[in-house]
Amino acid sequence: MHDVRTLVGQRVFGLCLGYEELVDHDQLRHDPLLGALLGKLPRPCQARAR
């Protein structure tokens, strides 16, 4: 379960990026640039070290 702050943040980010429909937010989960900006993806140097 997500808290209200997380849900509102998701909505604001989605609107700012042009994702007006809530169903479009699933696409944001797989966006590599957004993931890297938010620190959700490993950095290239970390991925090579594995």
Protein backbone atom coordinates (compact mmCIF):
# COMPACT_ATOMS: atom_id res chain seq x y z
CA MET A 1 0.00 0.00 0.00
CA HIS A 2 1.34 3.44 -0.92
CA ASP A 3 0.98 6.55 1.16
CA VAL A 4 -0.81 9.65 -0.09
CA ARG A 5 2.42 11.57 -0.62
CA THR A 6 3.73 8.88 -3.00
CA LEU A 7 0.47 8.74 -4.95
CA VAL A 8 0.26 12.52 -5.31
CA GLY A 9 3.92 12.64 -6.38
CA GLN A 10 3.28 9.99 -9.01
CA ARG A 11 0.33 11.97 -10.33
CA VAL A 12 2.29 15.23 -10.46
CA PHE A 13 5.27 13.60 -12.22
CA GLY A 14 2.93 11.95 -14.70
CA LEU A 15 1.17 15.19 -15.52
CA CYS A 16 4.47 17.07 -15.90
CA LEU A 17 5.73 14.42 -18.30
CA GLY A 18 2.57 14.48 -20.40
CA TYR A 19 0.95 11.32 -19.04
CA GLU A 20 -2.57 12.63 -18.43
CA GLU A 21 -4.31 9.29 -17.89
CA LEU A 22 -3.63 7.21 -14.81
CA VAL A 23 -3.40 4.07 -16.94
CA ASP A 24 -0.37 5.64 -18.67
CA HIS A 25 1.57 5.55 -15.42
CA ASP A 26 2.43 1.90 -16.01
CA GLN A 27 4.59 3.11 -18.91
CA LEU A 28 6.47 5.39 -16.51
CA ARG A 29 7.50 2.35 -14.44
CA HIS A 30 9.50 1.09 -17.42
CA ASP A 31 11.01 4.40 -18.51
CA PRO A 32 14.80 4.00 -18.09
CA LEU A 33 15.54 7.74 -17.98
CA LEU A 34 12.99 8.39 -15.26
CA GLY A 35 14.22 5.36 -13.32
CA ALA A 36 17.79 6.61 -13.50
CA LEU A 37 16.80 10.13 -12.44
CA LEU A 38 14.90 8.81 -9.43
CA GLY A 39 17.65 6.42 -8.42
CA LYS A 40 15.56 3.32 -9.08
CA LEU A 41 17.94 1.79 -11.62
CA PRO A 42 21.50 0.68 -11.00
CA ARG A 43 24.14 3.02 -12.32
CA PRO A 44 26.14 1.67 -15.29
CA CYS A 45 29.28 1.25 -13.17
CA GLN A 46 27.30 -0.75 -10.56
CA ALA A 47 25.75 -2.98 -13.23
CA ARG A 48 29.18 -3.89 -14.65
CA ALA A 49 30.58 -4.73 -11.24
CA ARG A 50 28.07 -7.56 -10.77
